[in-house]
């Protein structure tokens, strides 16, 4: 890797103090995050020989893997504890889940190590990542290159027919990330308090006016809060010229910001007075929404993993009267990934763990609502009949999404928009709190 310490230090400072930087300065930096134009470098037709992977497994035995992943959901944490047990049993790998409040904390650590010349003894072995954080690390050569093709389970995603597993917020992963889950914005409501939840963005505004204080969202840069704002932005942009919607999938400019964000602020100005606490106070994280629904302070909530709602009901974290649904005008959707920093100490073990995360066993376990409810990245047609049975639900939970539920899939925006939305939202609404 080319040594660029001064540039890396600048990027590190940017990540740490991004909320304090003006929108104009943020744009100057984010211009470097152009969509990757290079062709996809993964040869999805190439087979991984058993000898290659066996050698990787042998090299990984006895290694420790420090898996840096968001730790804000007890259900996710329990699933990763199970993964740690399985990779220890199967491969003698000691996996440690390092719980993160924000993924950018781990990115900052890798940037700091790189700027200090640490190219072989990094503390982060495996990282749950996507979007802007992936773009930042990829553009600065902070990721292990071309390792995904070494993992035999990647073929089970059928990447030639499922390009989403090789794209991260519109950017080619180029073999630097392994897919391990799918998620979509899912709404849920307490049927004991409302029988007609809003099914579109305009209906949400009307419903909120009739049910003041019964809905809210977390303030950005919280992931779930940003997801709601991006959903609203896409729907509002669809009501305009196609060229305006297309701006959301390109790096933002001063002109495109003014063009596409104005309708969002107009919508929020109408919505906020009818939110929880009249929109004068916003939650700092999306997990708090579930607690407020459970306490009957909110009637309507949303999550980026609809499958975890039945599990929450079973654990009495939500009332039995909870029901899930997807908005008829669209659901923001994405694939999430794991990656390996360029200076990870235990790369062999990290690759073996990433391969296990894509195994039918791990994917089926994760998809079960009682364990996580995260949708699989595997193409079930690639599996044996016995493996497919692992994914078949025994019975639909009353709080789960209906089997016939349909909602248009809304693609994630270019990652540079995250910082722009956060900065502009804070300027407009943050000072009022």
Protein backbone atom coordinates (compact mmCIF):
# COMPACT_ATOMS: atom_id res chain seq x y z
CA UNK A 1 0.00 0.00 0.00
CA UNK A 2 1.28 3.45 -0.90
CA UNK A 3 2.12 5.44 2.21
CA UNK A 4 0.14 8.69 2.40
CA UNK A 5 0.23 9.59 6.09
CA UNK A 6 -0.79 13.25 5.81
CA UNK A 7 -3.82 12.41 3.68
CA UNK A 8 -4.87 9.58 5.97
CA UNK A 9 -4.59 11.81 9.02
CA UNK A 10 -6.84 14.33 7.28
CA UNK A 11 -9.41 11.62 6.54
CA UNK A 12 -9.26 10.43 10.14
CA UNK A 13 -9.95 13.93 11.42
CA UNK A 14 -12.79 14.23 8.93
CA UNK A 15 -14.49 11.11 10.29
CA UNK A 16 -14.11 12.21 13.89
CA UNK A 17 -15.31 15.76 13.42
CA UNK A 18 -17.61 15.48 10.41
CA UNK A 19 -20.61 17.02 12.28
CA UNK A 20 -18.52 20.16 12.86
CA UNK A 21 -17.50 20.64 9.24
CA UNK A 22 -19.60 22.87 7.03
CA UNK A 23 -21.61 21.32 4.26
CA UNK A 24 -19.41 23.02 1.65
CA UNK A 25 -16.22 21.61 3.17
CA UNK A 26 -17.84 18.17 3.43
CA UNK A 27 -18.64 18.28 -0.25
CA UNK A 28 -15.04 19.04 -1.18
CA UNK A 29 -13.92 15.90 0.63
CA UNK A 30 -16.80 13.73 -0.52
CA UNK A 31 -16.02 14.47 -4.15
CA UNK A 32 -13.33 11.81 -3.83
CA UNK A 33 -16.03 9.20 -3.22
CA UNK A 34 -16.95 8.70 -6.85
CA UNK A 35 -18.60 5.42 -7.87
CA UNK A 36 -15.95 2.86 -8.73
CA UNK A 37 -15.70 2.81 -12.53
CA UNK A 38 -13.41 -0.20 -12.78
CA UNK A 39 -14.96 -3.44 -14.03
CA UNK A 40 -15.93 -6.07 -11.51
CA UNK A 41 -12.77 -7.93 -10.64
CA UNK A 42 -14.35 -11.07 -9.15
CA UNK A 43 -14.30 -14.03 -11.49
CA UNK A 44 -17.58 -15.54 -10.39
CA UNK A 45 -17.04 -18.49 -12.74
CA UNK A 46 -13.75 -19.50 -11.17
CA UNK A 47 -13.99 -22.44 -8.79
CA UNK A 48 -12.27 -22.48 -5.46
CA UNK A 49 -10.44 -25.75 -5.08
CA UNK A 50 -10.91 -27.73 -1.89
CA UNK A 51 -7.14 -27.73 -1.48
CA UNK A 52 -7.00 -23.92 -1.46
CA UNK A 53 -9.66 -23.58 1.20
CA UNK A 54 -8.25 -26.48 3.24
CA UNK A 55 -4.91 -24.69 3.34
CA UNK A 56 -6.67 -21.52 4.50
CA UNK A 57 -8.46 -23.43 7.27
CA UNK A 58 -5.21 -25.02 8.42
CA UNK A 59 -3.54 -21.62 8.55
CA UNK A 60 -6.48 -20.20 10.54
CA UNK A 61 -6.47 -22.85 13.29
CA UNK A 62 -5.63 -21.40 16.67
CA UNK A 63 -5.97 -17.80 15.51
CA UNK A 64 -8.11 -15.18 17.23
CA UNK A 65 -10.48 -13.01 15.18
CA UNK A 66 -11.56 -9.63 16.48
CA UNK A 67 -14.89 -9.03 14.77
CA UNK A 68 -15.83 -5.35 15.07
CA UNK A 69 -19.60 -5.12 14.69
CA UNK A 70 -22.44 -2.95 15.89
CA UNK A 71 -23.45 -4.06 19.38
CA UNK A 72 -26.71 -2.18 19.85
CA UNK A 73 -29.13 -5.11 19.55
CA UNK A 74 -29.12 -7.97 22.10
CA UNK A 75 -30.58 -10.34 19.51
CA UNK A 76 -27.73 -9.66 17.06
CA UNK A 77 -25.21 -9.99 19.88
CA UNK A 78 -26.59 -13.40 20.84
CA UNK A 79 -26.38 -14.55 17.25
CA UNK A 80 -22.72 -13.54 17.07
CA UNK A 81 -22.07 -15.45 20.30
CA UNK A 82 -23.45 -18.53 18.55
CA UNK A 83 -21.19 -17.85 15.54
CA UNK A 84 -18.21 -17.64 17.88
CA UNK A 85 -19.08 -21.02 19.37
CA UNK A 86 -19.49 -22.66 15.96
CA UNK A 87 -16.25 -21.38 14.41
CA UNK A 88 -14.41 -22.47 17.54
CA UNK A 89 -15.89 -25.96 17.28
CA UNK A 90 -15.38 -26.28 13.53
CA UNK A 91 -12.07 -24.48 13.02
CA UNK A 92 -10.52 -23.85 16.46
CA UNK A 93 -10.87 -20.10 15.86
CA UNK A 94 -11.37 -17.80 18.83
CA UNK A 95 -13.78 -15.12 17.61
CA UNK A 96 -14.29 -12.06 19.80
CA UNK A 97 -17.18 -9.70 19.09
CA UNK A 98 -15.96 -6.13 19.67
CA UNK A 99 -19.19 -4.15 20.11
CA UNK A 100 -19.36 -0.83 18.30
CA UNK A 101 -21.71 2.09 18.85
CA UNK A 102 -20.85 3.39 15.37
CA UNK A 103 -19.03 1.59 12.56
CA UNK A 104 -17.06 4.77 11.92
CA UNK A 105 -15.26 4.16 15.24
CA UNK A 106 -13.56 1.10 13.74
CA UNK A 107 -12.86 2.94 10.48
CA UNK A 108 -11.17 5.71 12.47
CA UNK A 109 -9.02 3.11 14.24
CA UNK A 110 -7.81 1.62 10.96
CA UNK A 111 -7.11 5.09 9.57
CA UNK A 112 -5.11 5.94 12.67
CA UNK A 113 -3.10 2.72 12.41
CA UNK A 114 -2.36 3.36 8.74
CA UNK A 115 -1.22 6.92 9.40
CA UNK A 116 1.12 5.58 12.09
CA UNK A 117 2.67 3.10 9.65
CA UNK A 118 1.00 0.02 11.16
CA UNK A 119 0.60 -2.20 8.11
CA UNK A 120 0.62 -5.69 9.66
CA UNK A 121 -0.60 -5.55 13.26
CA UNK A 122 -4.04 -3.94 13.03
CA UNK A 123 -6.54 -4.59 15.80
CA UNK A 124 -9.54 -5.01 13.48
CA UNK A 125 -9.62 -8.42 11.78
CA UNK A 126 -13.19 -8.45 10.50
CA UNK A 127 -15.62 -5.54 10.21
CA UNK A 128 -19.38 -5.33 9.61
CA UNK A 129 -19.66 -2.49 7.14
CA UNK A 130 -21.40 -0.90 4.17
CA UNK A 131 -22.15 2.43 2.54
CA UNK A 132 -20.03 5.46 3.26
CA UNK A 133 -17.65 3.60 5.57
CA UNK A 134 -16.87 1.09 2.82
CA UNK A 135 -16.38 3.91 0.32
CA UNK A 136 -13.98 5.72 2.65
CA UNK A 137 -11.86 2.63 3.29
CA UNK A 138 -11.89 1.46 -0.34
CA UNK A 139 -10.87 4.85 -1.71
CA UNK A 140 -7.95 5.00 0.74
CA UNK A 141 -6.69 1.45 0.06
CA UNK A 142 -7.47 0.36 3.61
CA UNK A 143 -9.05 -2.98 2.70
CA UNK A 144 -7.65 -6.41 1.91
CA UNK A 145 -7.92 -6.89 -1.85
CA UNK A 146 -9.35 -9.80 -3.85
CA UNK A 147 -10.11 -12.27 -1.08
CA UNK A 148 -13.80 -12.97 -1.66
CA UNK A 149 -13.11 -15.38 -4.52
CA UNK A 150 -11.26 -17.66 -2.09
CA UNK A 151 -14.46 -18.44 -0.16
CA UNK A 152 -16.41 -21.41 -1.54
CA UNK A 153 -19.72 -20.36 0.06
CA UNK A 154 -19.77 -17.15 -1.98
CA UNK A 155 -20.81 -19.22 -5.00
CA UNK A 156 -24.06 -20.03 -3.16
CA UNK A 157 -25.12 -16.40 -3.51
CA UNK A 158 -25.24 -16.93 -7.29
CA UNK A 159 -23.56 -13.56 -7.93
CA UNK A 160 -23.97 -13.72 -11.71
CA UNK A 161 -27.75 -13.66 -11.24
CA UNK A 162 -27.75 -11.57 -8.07
CA UNK A 163 -25.57 -8.47 -8.67
CA UNK A 164 -26.71 -6.93 -5.37
CA UNK A 165 -24.19 -9.14 -3.53
CA UNK A 166 -21.33 -7.43 -5.39
CA UNK A 167 -22.60 -3.85 -5.05
CA UNK A 168 -22.51 -1.67 -1.94
CA UNK A 169 -24.59 1.52 -2.18
CA UNK A 170 -23.94 1.66 -5.92
CA UNK A 171 -20.22 0.84 -5.69
CA UNK A 172 -18.58 -2.37 -6.87
CA UNK A 173 -17.18 -4.32 -3.92
CA UNK A 174 -14.39 -5.71 -6.16
CA UNK A 175 -13.76 -8.71 -3.93
CA UNK A 176 -13.20 -6.62 -0.80
CA UNK A 177 -16.46 -7.49 0.98
CA UNK A 178 -18.45 -10.65 1.67
CA UNK A 179 -22.26 -10.36 1.75
CA UNK A 180 -23.95 -11.82 4.81
CA UNK A 181 -27.44 -10.35 5.07
CA UNK A 182 -30.27 -8.43 3.42
CA UNK A 183 -32.42 -5.85 5.08
CA UNK A 184 -35.33 -3.60 4.18
CA UNK A 185 -37.18 -0.83 5.98
CA UNK A 186 -40.17 -2.42 7.70
CA UNK A 187 -42.90 -0.67 9.68
CA UNK A 188 -44.83 -2.12 12.61
CA UNK A 189 -47.75 -0.92 14.70
CA UNK A 190 -49.72 -1.76 17.81
CA UNK A 191 -53.05 -3.09 16.54
CA UNK A 192 -54.57 -2.45 19.97
CA UNK A 193 -54.30 1.29 19.30
CA UNK A 194 -54.82 1.60 15.54
CA UNK A 195 -56.39 -0.62 12.91
CA UNK A 196 -55.39 1.43 9.86
CA UNK A 197 -51.66 2.20 9.84
CA UNK A 198 -50.35 4.48 7.05
CA UNK A 199 -49.17 2.59 3.97
CA UNK A 200 -47.57 5.46 2.01
CA UNK A 201 -45.54 8.55 2.84
CA UNK A 202 -48.45 10.99 2.29
CA UNK A 203 -50.65 8.71 4.39
CA UNK A 204 -48.04 8.85 7.16
CA UNK A 205 -48.42 12.62 7.33
CA UNK A 206 -52.22 12.38 7.44
CA UNK A 207 -52.10 9.63 10.08
CA UNK A 208 -49.68 11.63 12.24
CA UNK A 209 -52.01 14.62 12.18
CA UNK A 210 -54.84 12.38 13.39
CA UNK A 211 -52.60 10.64 15.95
CA UNK A 212 -50.25 13.35 17.25
CA UNK A 213 -47.26 12.21 19.27
CA UNK A 214 -47.59 8.55 18.25
CA UNK A 215 -44.70 8.39 15.76
CA UNK A 216 -41.11 9.62 15.56
CA UNK A 217 -37.71 8.82 14.08
CA UNK A 218 -34.16 8.99 15.42
CA UNK A 219 -32.02 11.94 14.44
CA UNK A 220 -29.19 11.45 11.96
CA UNK A 221 -26.49 10.19 11.78
CA UNK A 222 -28.30 7.26 13.42
CA UNK A 223 -28.60 4.56 10.75
CA UNK A 224 -32.32 3.96 11.26
CA UNK A 225 -33.10 7.66 11.36
CA UNK A 226 -31.15 8.23 8.14
CA UNK A 227 -32.96 5.30 6.55
CA UNK A 228 -36.32 6.93 7.21
CA UNK A 229 -35.12 10.24 5.77
CA UNK A 230 -33.74 8.51 2.67
CA UNK A 231 -37.02 6.63 2.16
CA UNK A 232 -38.91 9.93 2.34
CA UNK A 233 -36.40 11.61 0.01
CA UNK A 234 -36.75 8.89 -2.64
CA UNK A 235 -40.55 8.92 -2.54
CA UNK A 236 -40.67 12.71 -2.77
CA UNK A 237 -38.14 12.70 -5.63
CA UNK A 238 -40.22 10.14 -7.54
CA UNK A 239 -42.98 12.73 -7.71
CA UNK A 240 -40.71 15.00 -9.76
CA UNK A 241 -38.79 14.65 -13.02
CA UNK A 242 -36.80 11.38 -13.47
CA UNK A 243 -33.60 13.40 -13.72
CA UNK A 244 -34.11 14.65 -10.15
CA UNK A 245 -34.40 11.13 -8.75
CA UNK A 246 -31.23 10.15 -10.64
CA UNK A 247 -29.29 12.82 -8.73
CA UNK A 248 -29.64 10.73 -5.56
CA UNK A 249 -27.46 8.01 -7.08
CA UNK A 250 -24.61 10.33 -7.96
CA UNK A 251 -22.23 12.25 -5.67
CA UNK A 252 -24.09 15.35 -4.41
CA UNK A 253 -23.32 18.80 -5.74
CA UNK A 254 -24.48 22.18 -4.48
CA UNK A 255 -27.03 22.26 -7.30
CA UNK A 256 -28.40 18.75 -6.69
CA UNK A 257 -28.65 19.39 -2.95
CA UNK A 258 -30.81 22.45 -3.49
CA UNK A 259 -32.87 20.59 -6.07
CA UNK A 260 -33.69 17.39 -4.19
CA UNK A 261 -33.57 18.36 -0.51
CA UNK A 262 -36.09 21.21 -0.59
CA UNK A 263 -39.13 18.87 -0.83
CA UNK A 264 -37.78 16.83 2.09
CA UNK A 265 -37.53 19.87 4.35
CA UNK A 266 -41.03 20.96 3.31
CA UNK A 267 -42.39 17.53 4.21
CA UNK A 268 -40.58 17.42 7.57
CA UNK A 269 -41.73 20.93 8.43
CA UNK A 270 -45.29 19.64 8.11
CA UNK A 271 -44.61 16.36 9.92
CA UNK A 272 -42.53 17.46 12.92
CA UNK A 273 -45.26 19.28 14.92
CA UNK A 274 -47.20 15.99 15.05
CA UNK A 275 -44.30 13.76 16.10
CA UNK A 276 -43.52 12.50 19.60
CA UNK A 277 -42.87 15.50 21.85
CA UNK A 278 -44.01 17.72 18.96
CA UNK A 279 -40.74 17.17 17.13
CA UNK A 280 -38.85 19.27 19.67
CA UNK A 281 -36.82 16.26 20.82
CA UNK A 282 -35.50 13.36 18.74
CA UNK A 283 -34.18 10.02 19.89
CA UNK A 284 -30.45 9.49 19.52
CA UNK A 285 -30.77 5.92 18.24
CA UNK A 286 -33.32 3.79 16.45
CA UNK A 287 -33.37 1.09 19.14
CA UNK A 288 -35.21 3.51 21.42
CA UNK A 289 -38.23 3.48 19.09
CA UNK A 290 -38.98 -0.12 20.04
CA UNK A 291 -38.88 0.71 23.75
CA UNK A 292 -41.32 3.59 23.28
CA UNK A 293 -43.70 1.33 21.33
CA UNK A 294 -43.45 -1.26 24.10
CA UNK A 295 -44.22 1.46 26.68
CA UNK A 296 -47.26 2.54 24.61
CA UNK A 297 -45.80 6.00 24.06
CA UNK A 298 -45.68 5.30 20.33
CA UNK A 299 -48.16 3.39 18.20
CA UNK A 300 -46.07 3.18 15.04
CA UNK A 301 -42.41 2.20 14.68
CA UNK A 302 -40.01 0.93 12.04
CA UNK A 303 -36.90 -1.19 11.76
CA UNK A 304 -34.41 -2.20 9.08
CA UNK A 305 -34.83 -5.87 9.91
CA UNK A 306 -38.47 -6.87 9.83
CA UNK A 307 -37.65 -10.40 10.86
CA UNK A 308 -36.60 -9.31 14.34
CA UNK A 309 -40.10 -8.08 15.27
CA UNK A 310 -41.58 -11.56 15.99
CA UNK A 311 -38.52 -12.36 18.11
CA UNK A 312 -38.99 -9.15 20.07
CA UNK A 313 -42.64 -10.08 20.69
CA UNK A 314 -41.61 -13.54 21.87
CA UNK A 315 -39.13 -11.98 24.31
CA UNK A 316 -41.85 -9.61 25.60
CA UNK A 317 -39.95 -6.60 24.27
CA UNK A 318 -43.04 -5.69 22.25
CA UNK A 319 -46.74 -6.39 22.95
CA UNK A 320 -48.54 -9.36 21.41
CA UNK A 321 -50.72 -6.94 19.43
CA UNK A 322 -47.81 -5.80 17.23
CA UNK A 323 -48.21 -6.29 13.47
CA UNK A 324 -45.65 -5.69 10.70
CA UNK A 325 -46.04 -4.34 7.18
CA UNK A 326 -44.11 -2.71 4.35
CA UNK A 327 -45.00 0.60 2.78
CA UNK A 328 -46.86 0.20 -0.51
CA UNK A 329 -44.89 3.01 -2.14
CA UNK A 330 -41.57 1.27 -1.49
CA UNK A 331 -39.07 -0.11 1.02
CA UNK A 332 -35.48 1.07 1.26
CA UNK A 333 -33.37 -2.07 0.87
CA UNK A 334 -29.72 -3.06 0.91
CA UNK A 335 -27.24 -5.89 1.35
CA UNK A 336 -24.82 -5.66 4.26
CA UNK A 337 -21.29 -7.00 4.24
CA UNK A 338 -18.20 -7.91 6.23
CA UNK A 339 -14.73 -6.79 5.19
CA UNK A 340 -11.08 -7.28 6.21
CA UNK A 341 -8.78 -4.27 6.78
CA UNK A 342 -5.50 -4.24 4.87
CA UNK A 343 -3.48 -4.55 8.09
CA UNK A 344 -5.52 -7.21 9.92
CA UNK A 345 -3.33 -9.52 12.00
CA UNK A 346 -5.41 -12.66 11.45
CA UNK A 347 -6.50 -12.57 7.83
CA UNK A 348 -6.75 -16.33 7.32
CA UNK A 349 -9.10 -16.77 10.27
CA UNK A 350 -11.12 -13.71 9.25
CA UNK A 351 -11.68 -15.24 5.80
CA UNK A 352 -12.75 -18.56 7.29
CA UNK A 353 -15.24 -16.78 9.58
CA UNK A 354 -16.58 -14.76 6.62
CA UNK A 355 -17.07 -18.00 4.71
CA UNK A 356 -18.95 -19.52 7.63
CA UNK A 357 -21.21 -16.46 7.82
CA UNK A 358 -22.33 -17.30 4.25
CA UNK A 359 -22.86 -21.01 5.01
CA UNK A 360 -26.39 -22.47 4.80
CA UNK A 361 -26.17 -23.31 8.50
CA UNK A 362 -25.33 -19.76 9.58
CA UNK A 363 -27.67 -18.11 7.08
CA UNK A 364 -30.64 -20.29 8.06
CA UNK A 365 -29.97 -19.70 11.75
CA UNK A 366 -29.81 -15.94 11.19
CA UNK A 367 -33.02 -15.86 9.17
CA UNK A 368 -35.07 -17.45 11.96
CA UNK A 369 -37.05 -14.67 13.69
CA UNK A 370 -36.15 -15.98 17.13
CA UNK A 371 -32.44 -15.59 16.33
CA UNK A 372 -32.35 -12.41 14.23
CA UNK A 373 -34.73 -12.52 11.29
CA UNK A 374 -32.14 -11.18 8.84
CA UNK A 375 -32.88 -12.25 5.26
CA UNK A 376 -30.42 -14.60 3.60
CA UNK A 377 -28.07 -13.59 0.78
CA UNK A 378 -28.02 -17.15 -0.55
CA UNK A 379 -29.85 -18.23 -3.68
CA UNK A 380 -31.86 -21.14 -2.31
CA UNK A 381 -31.94 -22.79 -5.74
CA UNK A 382 -28.19 -23.34 -5.33
CA UNK A 383 -28.75 -25.44 -2.21
CA UNK A 384 -29.57 -29.11 -1.76
CA UNK A 385 -33.10 -30.14 -0.82
CA UNK A 386 -32.01 -30.76 2.77
CA UNK A 387 -30.37 -27.34 2.99
CA UNK A 388 -33.46 -25.63 1.59
CA UNK A 389 -35.56 -27.20 4.34
CA UNK A 390 -33.48 -25.28 6.89
CA UNK A 391 -34.94 -22.03 5.54
CA UNK A 392 -38.57 -23.13 5.51
CA UNK A 393 -40.52 -21.47 8.35
CA UNK A 394 -42.57 -23.84 10.45
CA UNK A 395 -45.38 -21.32 10.95
CA UNK A 396 -45.78 -17.62 10.30
CA UNK A 397 -45.78 -15.55 13.47
CA UNK A 398 -48.76 -13.17 13.82
CA UNK A 399 -46.34 -10.25 14.15
CA UNK A 400 -44.30 -11.18 11.06
CA UNK A 401 -44.68 -9.64 7.63
CA UNK A 402 -47.56 -11.30 5.72
CA UNK A 403 -46.42 -13.90 3.21
CA UNK A 404 -48.16 -12.03 0.38
CA UNK A 405 -46.65 -8.69 1.37
CA UNK A 406 -45.25 -6.82 -1.61
CA UNK A 407 -43.41 -3.54 -1.73
CA UNK A 408 -41.19 -2.00 -4.42
CA UNK A 409 -37.53 -2.19 -3.49
CA UNK A 410 -35.90 1.24 -3.19
CA UNK A 411 -32.13 1.22 -3.77
CA UNK A 412 -29.79 2.98 -1.35
CA UNK A 413 -28.50 6.41 -2.32
CA UNK A 414 -24.92 7.17 -3.20
CA UNK A 415 -23.08 7.01 0.16
CA UNK A 416 -21.98 10.65 -0.02
CA UNK A 417 -25.58 11.73 0.61
CA UNK A 418 -25.46 10.42 4.21
CA UNK A 419 -23.14 13.18 5.39
CA UNK A 420 -25.00 15.84 3.42
CA UNK A 421 -28.40 14.88 4.85
CA UNK A 422 -26.97 14.70 8.37
CA UNK A 423 -25.26 18.08 8.16
CA UNK A 424 -28.20 19.86 6.59
CA UNK A 425 -30.71 18.25 9.00
CA UNK A 426 -28.62 19.34 11.98
CA UNK A 427 -28.47 22.92 10.70
CA UNK A 428 -32.20 23.05 10.13
CA UNK A 429 -33.57 21.10 13.10
CA UNK A 430 -30.76 20.30 15.52
CA UNK A 431 -30.54 23.85 16.93
CA UNK A 432 -34.23 23.72 17.88
CA UNK A 433 -33.72 20.91 20.39
